[in-house]
Structure formats: structure tokens, C-alpha cells
């Protein structure tokens, strides 16, 4: 018998699954895994039912139904001023994670290097490693979790083929500013890099300039694959529907992997989402205000707590600094928090190749109804300094 050797020896059960299981075991409030606990828009549920009853229950086209691809293209041009060919540049995927995996495997070969910015979402490196390539980790600056473009450029080598960026950022809640697009474009052009831009929280950006999509920058758009998620936009993470926008030549290579990875995505959901984008654009246009109110409510409720509150410029995550409460590392503190205090959070260290020494930050999700946020904040405010 052949001896089994793991292709991903560093990978175990994701921290999201671990903490959600602990939350269930201890009956804790789950502010860890990033899913809303409120309903999807009723119009979307009605549209899904109509689509199923209309018979849209078989395979969808591999690239996505035309109506949805056209709606994505129209939304993209309206928001970012970038015209998109719905036939050759938009591909509907089974979630953003599939899109990121397909992108890496379409373009990256054994021996290549891909720059990722730590802390980074945990699906990036496994995709890179399975392609036989190496993830080169460059830390974001703290405080603020901003990209240091000089340090990033210093990490580029002759083997670097790609950089993965994420804005608004999970887990940190930071977001690109307009100057970041120019810096990224200059870097990518000098070194001939492709860019994966993970923009799943594109409609949850709070800055005065709005979401800084790489599609706003013509030079970047020409070499980038932009990934987004309807699960985040329409509160339906369990549907696992996302999409990738890329120039036609890159999309053609992307689709070669996509067609043998999932082939196509849940058909009735595509019809429902196309209807929502076409008939209810007010939903995604109102998301910044919707989540800004939740962010502010949660931060106000935590103001009297012993936790420090870094700023949140986008996404639906709030980092909190627990250094006044405990000297435990973040994994141990999150276990104590869920087991003893009844609140589940996500430690930051699993998002790093090398976590900063002494960092005392954890991630909380505020994509919850007001009653959940208020109850969780009351528990957190009751934790005394030095008690952890």
C-alpha cells in the first residue's frame, strides 16, 4: 500500500469551523464566523421560488446565465466606470473561494511565487501550494493594517507572478484609499504581475471615496481578476454564488479551470440574483449605510468595555484589542471567551504565516441583528480588566 503523504500538511480544520463548533458546544453567541443572522431580502426569496417553479432547475451555462452576467456588467460600469463585456469577461462561480482557487490554478505554475498580505484570508495559501507555487507573506502595517508598498516591492523576485489583495479587508476592516490603486498599478506594471483582487465586501465600504475597486484603474483592470460574492451582498452566504471579472484572455484561462472544478453554479439562484440586481439596485446601494449603522451601534455599545476598538473602514468585522484584559495568546483567549463568557470570536494569528509577537487582537462580526449585538456587547462589557 502506498503511504499517504498530505499535499497540504500545514492545513487542518479552518478556524471558522473550530470556533463555530465551540460556540454550539457551549451555547455561546457566535460573533466569530462571518454570516448574518438576519433574513435575506424577501424579494430575493420570492424570486428564487419563481425561478424554481419556472423550471430553472437543471444545469446553468458554464459561464453563468446571460441575464446575471449582463446585470453584473451593468452594475460594474455604473459603480466603477469600467465597461465590461458580459459574454467574455464575466464568469459566475460557486462562491468567491472557488473563483480564487480557479484563478490561481489558471495562471500560476510550479516554482512561481505569489505575494499575499498578512493577515490574509485562509484560502489563499492552500490554492497557491496546490499549484506547486510559494506564497510570499508580507505583513500589513499595524496600526491601521495598511499596505507598505515599498516593503511589498522588496518582496518581489524573478519568480513572482502574482499578488493577491483584499479590500475591504477580512479580517481587519481596513480598506484601500485612492492612492493605493496607483501604487499597486505601478508595482504590477514594473514587474509584470497579475493581480487577484478579493472584493467580496465591495458594497460594505465606509470611506468618503467609496470602495476602491481595481476596476476603477484602467491599468490595473487590464491585468486583474476581480472576485466578488453575492453571499455578502444579499445576506445569503449559504448559497455560495460569486463571480469573477477579468479581461477576455484571462477569463478564457480562468474558465478552463472553472469548468472542471464546479462546471456551473446553482441555476435558480442565478435567475433570482439577476432579478434583484435589475429590479432592486437600492439594496446594494444602501448596504454601506445599513452596515455603518450596525458598526456604530456595536462600537457605541462596546465603548464602556475594556476592549480597544481599532477603526473599521469596510467589511462587517470589528477587531478588538484585549491586551487590558489578558496576556493569553489569541487562540487561548478566544477559547476562554467562548467557554467562560459565552461569546465566540476569531483569533487573528491563523491569518498570518508568522503572527506578530505579543499581538492581542481578535475579530468580531457585526453582521447580526440588533438584539444579538446588544446582548453580546453586554457580555463583553462585563469582562473586567485583568480578568482573562
Protein backbone atom coordinates (compact mmCIF):
# COMPACT_ATOMS: atom_id res chain seq x y z
CA UNK A 1 0.00 0.00 0.00
CA UNK A 2 1.25 3.46 -0.88
CA UNK A 3 1.99 5.64 2.10
CA UNK A 4 -0.29 8.68 2.24
CA UNK A 5 1.56 11.98 2.16
CA UNK A 6 -0.57 15.08 2.55
CA UNK A 7 -0.39 17.68 -0.19
CA UNK A 8 -1.39 20.26 2.43
CA UNK A 9 0.49 19.21 5.56
CA UNK A 10 0.00 22.57 7.29
CA UNK A 11 -3.76 22.65 6.77
CA UNK A 12 -6.20 21.45 9.40
CA UNK A 13 -9.82 22.31 10.14
CA UNK A 14 -10.41 26.00 9.48
CA UNK A 15 -10.55 28.32 12.48
CA UNK A 16 -14.09 29.31 11.45
CA UNK A 17 -15.32 25.74 11.82
CA UNK A 18 -13.42 25.26 15.09
CA UNK A 19 -14.89 28.35 16.72
CA UNK A 20 -18.41 27.75 15.42
CA UNK A 21 -18.32 24.22 16.83
CA UNK A 22 -17.17 25.60 20.19
CA UNK A 23 -19.97 28.17 20.08
CA UNK A 24 -22.53 25.41 19.56
CA UNK A 25 -20.99 23.21 22.25
CA UNK A 26 -21.10 25.98 24.87
CA UNK A 27 -24.27 27.70 23.74
CA UNK A 28 -22.32 30.88 23.04
CA UNK A 29 -23.27 33.84 20.88
CA UNK A 30 -21.42 33.36 17.59
CA UNK A 31 -19.70 36.60 16.57
CA UNK A 32 -16.92 34.52 15.05
CA UNK A 33 -17.89 33.09 11.68
CA UNK A 34 -18.89 35.84 9.29
CA UNK A 35 -22.51 35.12 8.48
CA UNK A 36 -25.58 37.31 9.04
CA UNK A 37 -28.20 36.08 11.49
CA UNK A 38 -30.96 38.10 9.84
CA UNK A 39 -33.14 37.22 6.85
CA UNK A 40 -32.26 37.62 3.19
CA UNK A 41 -34.39 40.18 1.34
CA UNK A 42 -37.91 38.75 0.90
CA UNK A 43 -37.86 39.82 -2.75
CA UNK A 44 -34.90 37.50 -3.29
CA UNK A 45 -36.66 34.54 -1.67
CA UNK A 46 -39.73 35.17 -3.83
CA UNK A 47 -37.55 35.41 -6.95
CA UNK A 48 -35.84 32.12 -6.09
CA UNK A 49 -39.17 30.36 -5.67
CA UNK A 50 -40.41 31.74 -9.01
CA UNK A 51 -37.22 30.57 -10.71
CA UNK A 52 -37.57 27.04 -9.36
CA UNK A 53 -41.26 26.85 -10.24
CA UNK A 54 -40.46 28.17 -13.73
CA UNK A 55 -38.25 25.14 -14.26
CA UNK A 56 -34.76 26.60 -13.89
CA UNK A 57 -33.55 23.53 -12.04
CA UNK A 58 -31.08 21.94 -14.46
CA UNK A 59 -27.50 22.84 -15.37
CA UNK A 60 -26.85 26.51 -15.93
CA UNK A 61 -24.47 27.61 -18.69
CA UNK A 62 -20.86 27.09 -17.59
CA UNK A 63 -20.10 30.82 -17.52
CA UNK A 64 -23.38 31.80 -15.84
CA UNK A 65 -26.80 32.68 -17.21
CA UNK A 66 -26.71 35.65 -19.62
CA UNK A 67 -29.13 37.76 -17.56
CA UNK A 68 -26.93 37.60 -14.47
CA UNK A 69 -23.70 38.25 -16.35
CA UNK A 70 -25.33 41.25 -18.05
CA UNK A 71 -26.59 42.57 -14.70
CA UNK A 72 -23.10 42.21 -13.18
CA UNK A 73 -21.58 44.07 -16.13
CA UNK A 74 -24.14 46.88 -15.85
CA UNK A 75 -23.59 47.23 -12.11
CA UNK A 76 -19.82 47.28 -12.53
CA UNK A 77 -19.86 50.03 -15.12
CA UNK A 78 -22.36 52.09 -13.13
CA UNK A 79 -20.33 51.90 -9.92
CA UNK A 80 -16.74 51.95 -11.17
CA UNK A 81 -16.90 53.45 -14.65
CA UNK A 82 -15.38 50.33 -16.17
CA UNK A 83 -17.18 48.83 -19.19
CA UNK A 84 -17.34 45.04 -19.01
CA UNK A 85 -18.19 42.55 -21.77
CA UNK A 86 -20.75 40.26 -20.18
CA UNK A 87 -20.02 37.44 -22.63
CA UNK A 88 -16.22 37.31 -22.44
CA UNK A 89 -15.26 38.99 -19.15
CA UNK A 90 -17.78 37.83 -16.50
CA UNK A 91 -17.96 34.32 -15.05
CA UNK A 92 -20.39 33.23 -12.34
CA UNK A 93 -18.82 30.89 -9.77
CA UNK A 94 -19.79 28.71 -6.84
CA UNK A 95 -18.67 31.26 -4.31
CA UNK A 96 -15.65 33.53 -4.13
CA UNK A 97 -13.41 30.77 -2.76
CA UNK A 98 -13.91 28.76 -5.94
CA UNK A 99 -13.11 31.83 -8.03
CA UNK A 100 -9.86 32.45 -6.13
CA UNK A 101 -8.83 28.79 -6.46
CA UNK A 102 -9.60 28.74 -10.19
CA UNK A 103 -7.71 31.98 -10.76
CA UNK A 104 -4.57 30.74 -9.05
CA UNK A 105 -4.61 27.42 -10.91
CA UNK A 106 -5.29 29.06 -14.26
CA UNK A 107 -2.26 31.34 -14.09
CA UNK A 108 0.26 30.01 -11.58
CA UNK A 109 2.72 27.17 -12.22
CA UNK A 110 5.09 25.13 -10.11
CA UNK A 111 8.00 27.23 -8.89
CA UNK A 112 6.19 30.55 -9.15
CA UNK A 113 5.73 32.93 -6.23
CA UNK A 114 2.58 34.79 -5.20
CA UNK A 115 2.65 37.72 -2.78
CA UNK A 116 -0.05 37.73 -0.10
CA UNK A 117 -0.53 40.42 2.52
CA UNK A 118 -0.81 39.22 6.11
CA UNK A 119 -3.13 38.83 7.84
CA UNK A 120 -4.81 37.21 4.83
CA UNK A 121 -7.85 35.03 4.30
CA UNK A 122 -7.04 31.38 4.82
CA UNK A 123 -7.99 30.06 1.37
CA UNK A 124 -5.19 31.88 -0.47
CA UNK A 125 -2.15 29.86 0.54
CA UNK A 126 -3.64 26.36 0.08
CA UNK A 127 -4.60 27.24 -3.51
CA UNK A 128 -1.07 28.50 -4.14
CA UNK A 129 0.57 25.44 -2.59
CA UNK A 130 -1.61 23.02 -4.56
CA UNK A 131 -0.39 24.77 -7.71
CA UNK A 132 3.19 23.93 -6.67
CA UNK A 133 3.96 27.58 -6.03
CA UNK A 134 5.05 29.51 -2.94
CA UNK A 135 3.12 32.14 -1.03
CA UNK A 136 5.39 35.05 -0.05
CA UNK A 137 3.90 36.73 3.01
CA UNK A 138 4.30 40.48 3.52
CA UNK A 139 2.69 41.97 6.64
CA UNK A 140 0.34 44.92 6.52
CA UNK A 141 1.38 47.75 8.81
CA UNK A 142 -0.14 47.89 12.28
CA UNK A 143 -1.86 50.03 13.46
CA UNK A 144 -4.17 50.56 10.55
CA UNK A 145 -3.33 47.42 8.56
CA UNK A 146 -2.25 49.41 5.55
CA UNK A 147 -0.10 48.12 2.67
CA UNK A 148 3.55 49.20 2.76
CA UNK A 149 4.21 49.35 -0.96
CA UNK A 150 7.98 49.71 -0.60
CA UNK A 151 8.13 46.61 1.59
CA UNK A 152 5.86 44.75 -0.83
CA UNK A 153 8.09 45.67 -3.76
CA UNK A 154 11.14 44.46 -1.84
CA UNK A 155 9.48 41.02 -1.67
CA UNK A 156 9.21 40.73 -5.47
CA UNK A 157 11.64 38.26 -7.02
CA UNK A 158 12.22 36.99 -10.57
CA UNK A 159 9.78 34.17 -9.75
CA UNK A 160 6.93 36.44 -8.62
CA UNK A 161 3.94 36.17 -10.94
CA UNK A 162 1.00 37.47 -8.92
CA UNK A 163 -0.13 39.50 -5.93
CA UNK A 164 -3.39 38.92 -4.07
CA UNK A 165 -5.02 41.95 -2.44
CA UNK A 166 -8.21 42.19 -0.41
CA UNK A 167 -10.27 45.35 0.05
CA UNK A 168 -12.32 45.92 2.16
CA UNK A 169 -10.20 43.63 4.26
CA UNK A 170 -11.10 40.46 6.11
CA UNK A 171 -10.22 40.14 8.97
CA UNK A 172 -9.03 43.69 9.68
CA UNK A 173 -11.76 46.00 8.37
CA UNK A 174 -9.26 48.26 6.59
CA UNK A 175 -9.80 49.45 3.02
CA UNK A 176 -7.81 50.80 0.10
CA UNK A 177 -7.53 54.52 -0.45
CA UNK A 178 -7.31 56.02 -3.98
CA UNK A 179 -3.51 56.24 -3.81
CA UNK A 180 -3.27 52.51 -3.20
CA UNK A 181 -4.60 51.80 -6.68
CA UNK A 182 -1.85 53.92 -8.25
CA UNK A 183 0.82 52.24 -6.12
CA UNK A 184 -0.45 48.75 -6.93
CA UNK A 185 -0.70 49.56 -10.64
CA UNK A 186 2.86 50.87 -10.74
CA UNK A 187 4.16 47.81 -8.89
CA UNK A 188 2.29 45.35 -11.11
CA UNK A 189 3.38 47.07 -14.31
CA UNK A 190 7.06 47.29 -13.34
CA UNK A 191 7.22 43.60 -12.56
CA UNK A 192 4.65 42.18 -14.96
CA UNK A 193 2.39 40.85 -12.20
CA UNK A 194 -1.14 39.61 -12.39
CA UNK A 195 -3.46 40.81 -9.62
CA UNK A 196 -6.20 38.92 -7.84
CA UNK A 197 -8.40 41.48 -6.11
CA UNK A 198 -10.66 39.90 -3.50
CA UNK A 199 -13.53 42.39 -3.29
CA UNK A 200 -16.27 40.31 -1.68
CA UNK A 201 -17.14 43.20 0.67
CA UNK A 202 -17.27 45.73 -2.18
CA UNK A 203 -20.67 47.05 -1.06
CA UNK A 204 -19.65 47.40 2.58
CA UNK A 205 -17.17 50.27 2.39
CA UNK A 206 -17.49 53.31 4.64
CA UNK A 207 -14.84 55.72 3.36
CA UNK A 208 -15.72 59.04 1.77
CA UNK A 209 -14.34 57.87 -1.59
CA UNK A 210 -16.34 54.64 -1.64
CA UNK A 211 -14.99 51.22 -2.49
CA UNK A 212 -11.68 51.43 -4.30
CA UNK A 213 -12.07 48.60 -6.77
CA UNK A 214 -9.10 47.87 -9.01
CA UNK A 215 -11.62 48.21 -11.83
CA UNK A 216 -11.57 51.97 -11.28
CA UNK A 217 -7.98 51.99 -12.58
CA UNK A 218 -7.66 51.14 -16.32
CA UNK A 219 -4.07 49.94 -15.97
CA UNK A 220 -4.98 47.61 -13.14
CA UNK A 221 -8.19 46.38 -14.74
CA UNK A 222 -6.15 45.17 -17.74
CA UNK A 223 -4.12 42.75 -15.58
CA UNK A 224 -6.53 41.91 -12.76
CA UNK A 225 -9.07 39.26 -11.90
CA UNK A 226 -11.66 40.73 -9.55
CA UNK A 227 -13.63 38.38 -7.31
CA UNK A 228 -16.88 39.23 -5.53
CA UNK A 229 -19.66 37.47 -3.64
CA UNK A 230 -23.43 37.66 -3.69
CA UNK A 231 -23.48 35.91 -0.33
CA UNK A 232 -22.07 39.02 1.34
CA UNK A 233 -24.23 41.43 -0.66
CA UNK A 234 -27.58 39.70 -0.19
CA UNK A 235 -27.06 38.08 3.26
CA UNK A 236 -27.15 34.57 1.73
CA UNK A 237 -23.72 33.11 2.42
CA UNK A 238 -25.12 29.58 2.22
CA UNK A 239 -26.00 29.98 -1.45
CA UNK A 240 -22.30 30.13 -2.38
CA UNK A 241 -22.66 32.27 -5.50
CA UNK A 242 -19.88 34.63 -6.58
CA UNK A 243 -18.28 35.88 -9.75
CA UNK A 244 -15.02 36.82 -11.41
CA UNK A 245 -14.46 39.79 -13.73
CA UNK A 246 -11.32 39.71 -15.87
CA UNK A 247 -10.11 40.69 -19.35
CA UNK A 248 -11.16 38.26 -22.06
CA UNK A 249 -7.79 36.50 -22.35
CA UNK A 250 -7.55 35.94 -18.61
CA UNK A 251 -11.22 34.93 -18.38
CA UNK A 252 -10.66 32.32 -21.09
CA UNK A 253 -7.94 30.67 -18.99
CA UNK A 254 -9.97 31.06 -15.81
CA UNK A 255 -12.93 29.29 -17.41
CA UNK A 256 -10.79 26.31 -18.40
CA UNK A 257 -10.27 25.57 -14.69
CA UNK A 258 -13.76 26.60 -13.59
CA UNK A 259 -15.48 24.19 -16.00
CA UNK A 260 -13.70 21.21 -14.44
CA UNK A 261 -13.90 22.46 -10.87
CA UNK A 262 -17.63 23.09 -10.47
CA UNK A 263 -18.69 23.47 -14.14
CA UNK A 264 -21.67 25.63 -13.24
CA UNK A 265 -23.41 27.26 -10.30
CA UNK A 266 -26.87 26.81 -8.73
CA UNK A 267 -29.19 27.76 -11.56
CA UNK A 268 -32.33 29.10 -9.83
CA UNK A 269 -30.23 31.34 -7.60
CA UNK A 270 -28.68 32.93 -10.68
CA UNK A 271 -32.11 33.85 -12.02
CA UNK A 272 -33.14 35.26 -8.64
CA UNK A 273 -29.97 37.33 -8.29
CA UNK A 274 -30.28 38.68 -11.82
CA UNK A 275 -33.80 39.86 -10.98
CA UNK A 276 -32.59 41.50 -7.76
CA UNK A 277 -29.77 43.37 -9.46
CA UNK A 278 -32.08 44.56 -12.21
CA UNK A 279 -35.16 45.46 -10.17
CA UNK A 280 -33.77 46.29 -6.72
CA UNK A 281 -30.43 48.08 -7.09
CA UNK A 282 -31.37 50.08 -4.00
CA UNK A 283 -30.45 47.03 -1.93
CA UNK A 284 -26.73 47.01 -2.67
CA UNK A 285 -26.60 50.80 -2.88
CA UNK A 286 -27.96 51.05 0.68
CA UNK A 287 -25.57 48.46 2.17
CA UNK A 288 -22.90 50.96 3.27
CA UNK A 289 -25.41 52.84 5.41
CA UNK A 290 -27.01 49.61 6.65
CA UNK A 291 -23.72 48.21 7.91
CA UNK A 292 -22.37 51.59 9.05
CA UNK A 293 -25.33 51.77 11.44
CA UNK A 294 -24.55 48.28 12.76
CA UNK A 295 -20.86 49.10 13.11
CA UNK A 296 -21.62 52.29 15.01
CA UNK A 297 -24.22 50.62 17.23
CA UNK A 298 -21.77 47.86 18.14
CA UNK A 299 -18.86 50.24 18.74
CA UNK A 300 -21.02 52.52 20.89
CA UNK A 301 -22.16 49.53 22.93
CA UNK A 302 -18.53 48.45 23.45
CA UNK A 303 -17.27 51.94 24.32
CA UNK A 304 -17.51 51.22 28.06
CA UNK A 305 -15.72 47.87 27.77
CA UNK A 306 -12.07 47.07 28.48
CA UNK A 307 -11.51 46.28 24.80
CA UNK A 308 -9.68 48.62 22.46
CA UNK A 309 -11.54 49.39 19.22
CA UNK A 310 -9.45 49.91 16.06
CA UNK A 311 -11.23 51.78 13.26
CA UNK A 312 -13.34 49.92 10.68
CA UNK A 313 -13.31 51.30 7.13
CA UNK A 314 -15.09 48.39 5.46
CA UNK A 315 -16.40 44.81 5.75
CA UNK A 316 -18.59 43.68 8.65
CA UNK A 317 -15.80 42.87 11.10
CA UNK A 318 -14.58 44.71 14.18
CA UNK A 319 -11.14 43.92 15.56
CA UNK A 320 -10.87 44.35 19.32
CA UNK A 321 -7.71 44.67 21.40
CA UNK A 322 -7.91 42.61 24.59
CA UNK A 323 -4.47 43.50 25.99
CA UNK A 324 -6.06 45.23 29.01
CA UNK A 325 -7.92 42.03 29.86
CA UNK A 326 -5.45 39.19 29.36
CA UNK A 327 -1.91 38.19 28.43
CA UNK A 328 -3.10 34.93 26.86
CA UNK A 329 -2.35 34.36 23.19
CA UNK A 330 -5.31 34.93 20.91
CA UNK A 331 -6.20 31.25 20.49
CA UNK A 332 -6.28 30.71 24.25
CA UNK A 333 -8.19 33.95 24.82
CA UNK A 334 -10.86 33.01 22.23
CA UNK A 335 -11.32 29.63 23.91
CA UNK A 336 -11.69 31.34 27.29
CA UNK A 337 -14.09 33.88 25.79
CA UNK A 338 -16.40 31.25 24.33
CA UNK A 339 -16.20 28.80 27.24
CA UNK A 340 -16.36 31.25 30.16
CA UNK A 341 -18.03 34.37 28.76
CA UNK A 342 -20.40 32.94 26.14
CA UNK A 343 -19.15 34.86 23.11
CA UNK A 344 -17.38 33.29 20.12
CA UNK A 345 -14.73 35.31 18.28
CA UNK A 346 -11.97 34.55 15.76
CA UNK A 347 -8.28 34.83 16.70
CA UNK A 348 -6.08 36.78 14.29
CA UNK A 349 -2.99 34.54 14.37
CA UNK A 350 -4.34 31.88 11.91
CA UNK A 351 -4.37 34.59 9.23
CA UNK A 352 -0.58 35.03 9.48
CA UNK A 353 2.43 32.98 8.40
CA UNK A 354 4.27 34.49 11.37
CA UNK A 355 1.94 36.25 13.85
CA UNK A 356 3.46 39.38 15.44
CA UNK A 357 4.83 38.71 18.91
CA UNK A 358 2.54 39.99 21.63
CA UNK A 359 -0.35 40.92 19.33
CA UNK A 360 -3.61 40.83 21.29
CA UNK A 361 -6.32 41.20 18.65
CA UNK A 362 -9.41 39.13 17.85
CA UNK A 363 -12.16 39.53 15.25
CA UNK A 364 -15.86 40.01 15.95
CA UNK A 365 -18.61 40.00 13.32
CA UNK A 366 -21.29 42.70 13.49
CA UNK A 367 -23.45 41.26 10.68
CA UNK A 368 -26.02 40.39 13.32
CA UNK A 369 -29.42 41.70 14.30
CA UNK A 370 -29.52 44.47 16.86
CA UNK A 371 -30.66 42.22 19.70
CA UNK A 372 -27.69 39.91 19.13
CA UNK A 373 -25.24 42.79 19.02
CA UNK A 374 -26.65 44.39 22.17
CA UNK A 375 -26.62 41.10 24.10
CA UNK A 376 -23.10 40.26 23.01
CA UNK A 377 -21.85 43.75 23.84
CA UNK A 378 -23.37 43.47 27.33
CA UNK A 379 -21.41 40.25 27.91
CA UNK A 380 -18.21 41.82 26.62
CA UNK A 381 -18.65 44.96 28.71
CA UNK A 382 -19.00 42.83 31.84
CA UNK A 383 -15.44 41.48 31.41
CA UNK A 384 -13.18 43.30 33.85
CA UNK A 385 -9.60 44.38 33.07
CA UNK A 386 -7.13 41.67 34.05
CA UNK A 387 -9.81 39.02 34.44
CA UNK A 388 -8.83 36.89 31.42
